[in-house]
Protein backbone atom coordinates (compact mmCIF):
# COMPACT_ATOMS: atom_id res chain seq x y z
CA MET A 1 -6.11 -95.68 158.09
CA ARG A 2 -9.20 -96.13 160.24
CA PRO A 3 -12.49 -95.01 158.60
CA PHE A 4 -13.66 -91.59 159.80
CA LYS A 5 -16.88 -92.92 161.32
CA ARG A 6 -14.89 -95.24 163.63
CA LEU A 7 -12.69 -92.51 165.10
CA LYS A 8 -13.18 -91.35 168.68
CA GLN A 9 -14.65 -87.86 169.05
CA ARG A 10 -11.39 -86.04 169.84
CA ARG A 11 -9.57 -87.55 166.84
CA LYS A 12 -12.66 -87.08 164.70
CA SER A 13 -12.76 -83.36 165.51
CA ARG A 14 -9.07 -82.96 164.65
CA ALA A 15 -9.40 -84.91 161.39
CA PHE A 16 -12.49 -82.96 160.35
CA LYS A 17 -10.79 -79.61 160.95
CA LEU A 18 -7.77 -80.71 158.90
CA LEU A 19 -10.06 -81.64 156.01
CA LEU A 20 -11.74 -78.23 156.12
CA THR A 21 -8.54 -76.17 156.43
CA PRO A 22 -7.74 -75.93 152.68
CA ILE A 23 -11.24 -74.52 152.12
CA PHE A 24 -12.16 -72.28 155.03
CA GLU A 25 -8.74 -70.79 155.83
CA ARG A 26 -7.87 -69.85 152.24
CA PHE A 27 -11.15 -69.45 150.38
CA LYS A 28 -14.29 -67.34 150.42
CA ALA A 29 -17.04 -67.82 147.82
CA ASP A 30 -17.66 -64.81 145.57
CA ASN A 31 -21.38 -65.56 145.31
CA LYS A 32 -23.53 -65.60 148.44
CA LEU A 33 -26.02 -68.46 148.77
CA GLU A 34 -29.55 -67.06 148.63
CA SER A 35 -32.97 -68.54 149.31
CA ARG A 36 -35.30 -69.30 146.41
CA GLY A 37 -38.33 -68.67 148.61
CA TYR A 38 -39.56 -65.93 150.92
CA ARG A 39 -37.89 -67.30 154.07
CA PRO A 40 -34.17 -66.73 154.73
CA LEU A 41 -32.05 -69.89 154.76
CA GLN A 42 -31.18 -71.31 158.16
CA MET A 43 -27.89 -72.75 156.86
CA SER A 44 -25.06 -70.79 155.26
CA PHE A 45 -23.06 -72.26 152.38
CA ASP A 46 -20.28 -73.09 154.86
CA ASP A 47 -22.81 -74.99 157.00
CA GLN A 48 -24.03 -76.90 153.94
CA LEU A 49 -20.52 -77.76 152.84
CA LYS A 50 -19.60 -79.11 156.26
CA ALA A 51 -22.82 -81.15 156.36
CA LEU A 52 -22.21 -82.63 152.89
CA ILE A 53 -18.61 -83.56 153.75
CA PHE A 54 -19.77 -85.12 157.02
CA TYR A 55 -22.51 -87.01 155.16
CA HIS A 56 -19.98 -88.71 152.88
CA LEU A 57 -17.42 -89.34 155.62
CA GLU A 58 -20.01 -91.12 157.74
CA GLU A 59 -21.44 -92.92 154.69
CA PHE A 60 -25.04 -92.08 155.56
CA SER A 61 -27.75 -93.45 153.28
CA SER A 62 -30.22 -90.55 153.42
CA GLY A 63 -30.70 -86.92 154.34
CA SER A 64 -32.88 -87.98 157.27
CA GLU A 65 -29.99 -89.98 158.71
CA LEU A 66 -27.72 -86.95 158.41
CA LEU A 67 -30.34 -84.71 160.05
CA GLN A 68 -30.70 -87.14 162.95
CA ALA A 69 -26.94 -87.01 163.53
CA LEU A 70 -26.97 -83.19 163.44
CA GLU A 71 -29.61 -83.23 166.17
CA GLN A 72 -28.31 -86.06 168.37
CA ASN A 73 -24.60 -86.75 167.73
CA ASP A 74 -22.29 -84.76 170.04
CA PHE A 75 -19.56 -84.36 167.41
CA ALA A 76 -22.04 -83.31 164.71
CA LYS A 77 -23.76 -80.79 167.00
CA GLU A 78 -20.43 -79.23 167.96
CA CYS A 79 -18.50 -79.30 164.67
CA VAL A 80 -21.01 -79.62 161.82
CA ALA A 81 -24.48 -78.24 162.62
CA PRO A 82 -25.26 -74.48 162.54
CA PRO A 83 -24.69 -72.79 165.94
CA LYS A 84 -28.43 -72.68 166.68
CA GLY A 85 -29.12 -76.15 165.30
CA ILE A 86 -31.40 -76.96 162.38
CA LYS A 87 -34.95 -78.29 162.10
CA LYS A 88 -36.15 -80.77 159.48
CA SER A 89 -38.08 -78.33 157.28
CA SER A 90 -35.30 -75.73 157.37
CA PHE A 91 -32.67 -78.37 156.65
CA PHE A 92 -34.35 -79.74 153.52
CA GLU A 93 -35.23 -76.24 152.32
CA ALA A 94 -31.55 -75.28 152.61
CA ILE A 95 -30.36 -78.46 150.87
CA ASN A 96 -32.87 -77.80 148.07
CA ASN A 97 -31.05 -74.48 147.54
CA ARG A 98 -27.69 -76.24 147.28
CA GLY A 99 -25.12 -73.79 145.95
CA LEU A 100 -23.80 -75.23 142.69
CA GLU A 101 -22.04 -71.96 141.83
CA GLN A 102 -20.33 -71.91 145.22
CA LEU A 103 -19.39 -75.61 144.98
CA ALA A 104 -17.86 -74.96 141.55
CA GLU A 105 -15.79 -72.15 143.08
CA VAL A 106 -14.60 -74.48 145.86
CA PHE A 107 -13.68 -77.14 143.31
CA SER A 108 -11.65 -74.70 141.20
CA HIS A 109 -9.90 -73.38 144.30
CA LEU A 110 -8.91 -76.87 145.50
CA VAL A 111 -7.72 -77.92 142.02
CA LYS A 112 -5.38 -74.92 141.87
CA GLN A 113 -4.02 -75.70 145.34
CA ALA A 114 -3.47 -79.38 144.58
CA ALA A 115 -1.91 -78.75 141.16
CA GLY A 116 0.63 -76.42 142.76
CA VAL A 117 1.72 -79.05 145.29
CA LEU A 118 1.50 -82.45 143.57
CA PRO A 119 4.37 -83.56 141.32
CA ALA A 120 3.53 -84.30 137.69
CA GLU A 121 4.25 -87.82 136.46
CA TYR A 122 4.74 -88.75 132.80
CA ALA A 123 5.83 -85.17 132.06
CA HIS A 124 7.60 -86.39 128.91
CA LEU A 125 4.15 -87.28 127.51
CA GLY A 126 2.69 -83.82 128.14
CA ASN A 127 -0.58 -83.13 129.96
CA LEU A 128 -2.77 -86.26 129.96
CA ILE A 129 -6.46 -85.82 130.74
CA SER A 130 -8.79 -88.79 131.13
CA ILE A 131 -12.35 -87.90 130.07
CA ASP A 132 -15.59 -89.62 130.99
CA GLY A 133 -19.25 -88.88 131.56
CA SER A 134 -21.44 -90.62 134.11
CA LEU A 135 -24.98 -90.40 135.47
CA ILE A 136 -24.94 -89.22 139.07
CA ASP A 137 -27.10 -89.26 142.18
CA ALA A 138 -28.56 -85.77 142.44
CA VAL A 139 -29.95 -85.94 145.99
CA LEU A 140 -28.87 -87.37 149.34
CA SER A 141 -30.95 -90.50 148.69
CA MET A 142 -32.76 -91.49 145.51
CA GLU A 143 -33.72 -95.16 145.65
CA TRP A 144 -37.06 -94.23 144.06
CA ALA A 145 -35.26 -93.12 140.89
CA ASP A 146 -33.42 -96.40 140.37
CA TYR A 147 -36.48 -98.12 138.95
CA ARG A 148 -38.39 -95.23 137.35
CA SER A 149 -37.49 -95.03 133.69
CA GLY A 150 -39.19 -91.65 133.38
CA SER A 151 -37.28 -90.00 136.21
CA LYS A 152 -34.91 -87.18 135.32
CA LYS A 153 -31.20 -87.80 135.57
CA ALA A 154 -28.10 -85.64 135.77
CA LYS A 155 -24.74 -86.35 134.18
CA ALA A 156 -21.26 -85.28 135.25
CA HIS A 157 -18.58 -84.82 132.59
CA ILE A 158 -15.18 -85.09 134.26
CA GLY A 159 -11.65 -84.35 133.16
CA PHE A 160 -9.15 -86.25 135.34
CA ASP A 161 -5.54 -85.06 135.47
CA ILE A 162 -3.59 -88.31 134.97
CA ASN A 163 -0.24 -86.60 135.62
CA ARG A 164 -1.21 -85.52 139.14
CA GLY A 165 -3.97 -88.01 139.95
CA ILE A 166 -6.72 -85.45 140.62
CA PRO A 167 -9.95 -84.35 138.91
CA ARG A 168 -9.36 -81.08 137.07
CA LYS A 169 -12.61 -80.03 135.42
CA ILE A 170 -16.25 -80.97 135.87
CA PHE A 171 -19.38 -80.00 133.96
CA LEU A 172 -22.99 -80.92 134.75
CA SER A 173 -25.72 -81.54 132.20
CA ASP A 174 -29.05 -83.27 131.69
CA GLY A 175 -28.71 -87.04 131.70
CA LYS A 176 -29.54 -87.37 128.00
CA GLU A 177 -26.98 -84.83 126.80
CA GLY A 178 -24.12 -86.15 124.65
CA GLU A 179 -20.59 -86.48 125.98
CA ARG A 180 -18.45 -85.60 122.93
CA PRO A 181 -19.13 -81.81 122.93
CA PHE A 182 -17.56 -81.57 126.40
CA VAL A 183 -14.14 -82.74 125.19
CA ASP A 184 -13.44 -79.26 123.78
CA LYS A 185 -14.27 -77.72 127.16
CA ILE A 186 -12.15 -80.17 129.15
CA ILE A 187 -8.86 -80.29 127.23
CA ASP A 188 -6.84 -77.26 126.15
CA LYS A 189 -4.59 -76.76 123.15
CA GLY A 190 -1.56 -79.06 123.29
CA GLU A 191 -3.10 -81.46 125.82
CA THR A 192 -4.01 -85.10 125.23
CA GLY A 193 -7.43 -86.50 126.08
CA VAL A 194 -7.72 -90.20 126.93
CA MET A 195 -11.21 -91.58 126.35
CA ASP A 196 -13.31 -94.66 125.66
CA ARG A 197 -15.02 -95.67 122.42
CA GLY A 198 -18.19 -93.76 123.32
CA TYR A 199 -16.31 -90.62 122.27
CA GLN A 200 -15.51 -91.98 118.80
CA SER A 201 -16.64 -89.45 116.20
CA HIS A 202 -14.60 -88.88 113.07
CA ASP A 203 -15.96 -85.34 112.66
CA HIS A 204 -14.89 -84.52 116.21
CA PHE A 205 -11.50 -86.16 115.63
CA ASP A 206 -10.94 -83.76 112.71
CA GLN A 207 -12.04 -80.76 114.77
CA TRP A 208 -9.78 -81.64 117.71
CA GLN A 209 -6.76 -82.11 115.46
CA THR A 210 -7.42 -78.75 113.76
CA ALA A 211 -7.54 -77.16 117.23
CA GLU A 212 -4.24 -78.91 118.14
CA LYS A 213 -5.95 -80.97 120.82
CA PHE A 214 -4.59 -84.50 120.90
CA PHE A 215 -6.41 -87.66 121.92
CA VAL A 216 -6.10 -91.37 122.57
CA CYS A 217 -9.46 -93.02 121.93
CA ARG A 218 -10.55 -96.63 121.70
CA ILE A 219 -12.52 -97.27 118.52
CA ARG A 220 -15.16 -99.81 117.63
CA GLU A 221 -13.85 -103.08 116.22
CA ASN A 222 -15.91 -102.77 113.03
CA THR A 223 -14.60 -99.28 112.20
CA HIS A 224 -13.62 -99.01 108.52
CA LYS A 225 -9.89 -98.23 108.20
CA THR A 226 -7.95 -97.30 105.07
CA THR A 227 -4.23 -97.92 105.59
CA ILE A 228 -1.89 -95.13 104.50
CA ARG A 229 1.31 -96.47 106.04
CA GLU A 230 2.13 -99.57 108.07
CA ASN A 231 4.94 -99.38 110.61
CA ALA A 232 7.03 -102.29 111.85
CA VAL A 233 6.03 -103.74 115.23
CA ASP A 234 8.47 -105.30 117.70
CA PRO A 235 7.11 -108.79 118.52
CA ASP A 236 8.22 -108.36 122.15
CA SER A 237 6.43 -105.02 122.51
CA ILE A 238 2.97 -104.45 123.97
CA VAL A 239 2.12 -102.68 120.69
CA PHE A 240 0.47 -105.08 118.25
CA TYR A 241 -0.84 -102.62 115.62
CA ASP A 242 0.97 -99.54 114.35
CA GLN A 243 -0.47 -97.94 111.23
CA ILE A 244 -1.39 -94.52 109.94
CA VAL A 245 -4.95 -94.82 108.65
CA LEU A 246 -8.01 -92.92 107.52
CA LEU A 247 -11.05 -93.77 109.62
CA GLY A 248 -14.55 -94.18 108.26
CA THR A 249 -15.93 -94.04 104.74
CA LYS A 250 -15.59 -90.89 102.64
CA GLY A 251 -18.85 -88.99 102.34
CA LEU A 252 -20.51 -90.76 105.27
């Protein structure tokens, strides 16, 4: 498939409308986007959403580059920009008021649509949710933050539906916030979380098992293990270690 930015204008318009259809034809945000200042916003949430989607499709490197396209590019002026256009100060004021509540509503709406259409693989294994947390870019361009150790960061905690191949839940936090507490919010009773060794916590393991939330988690190599039962392993299998163990040291 040809990248969006290389499409001719007619095909670009058609492709852009198809991308927006699942949102604008079947969804309306419950919460209206409001200005944080005394001036009314010159971009609605729908305008912002179209601009953000266009920004990523065109792979722009900054908000200024996006703004230039909204002012000069024929496709952007017709299909993306507000009907009366947008000036620099009004654009950045609107982006500063980015609607996180509205974006969360859009995300939930799209997840429900996709989950109802996509077939579930590995159904015999139950619901499998991959969990990870990652620092994210919080603005349209932030090269200045890459080398400033004191700059504030944001972290996204994501639950990815392995069965259907789509993200299912997302939570935002300060960059320094821990990742383990979000496991309880991401997986439901009877589901299985798949996670890396950064989530290893024997206290949390106990809590998740009590709540009937299952997990597959890599553990650190030096973890203390007390063997309760050792099971036979087929030498031709990919499984090389099959034991029921107690993890950690009692009282620590």
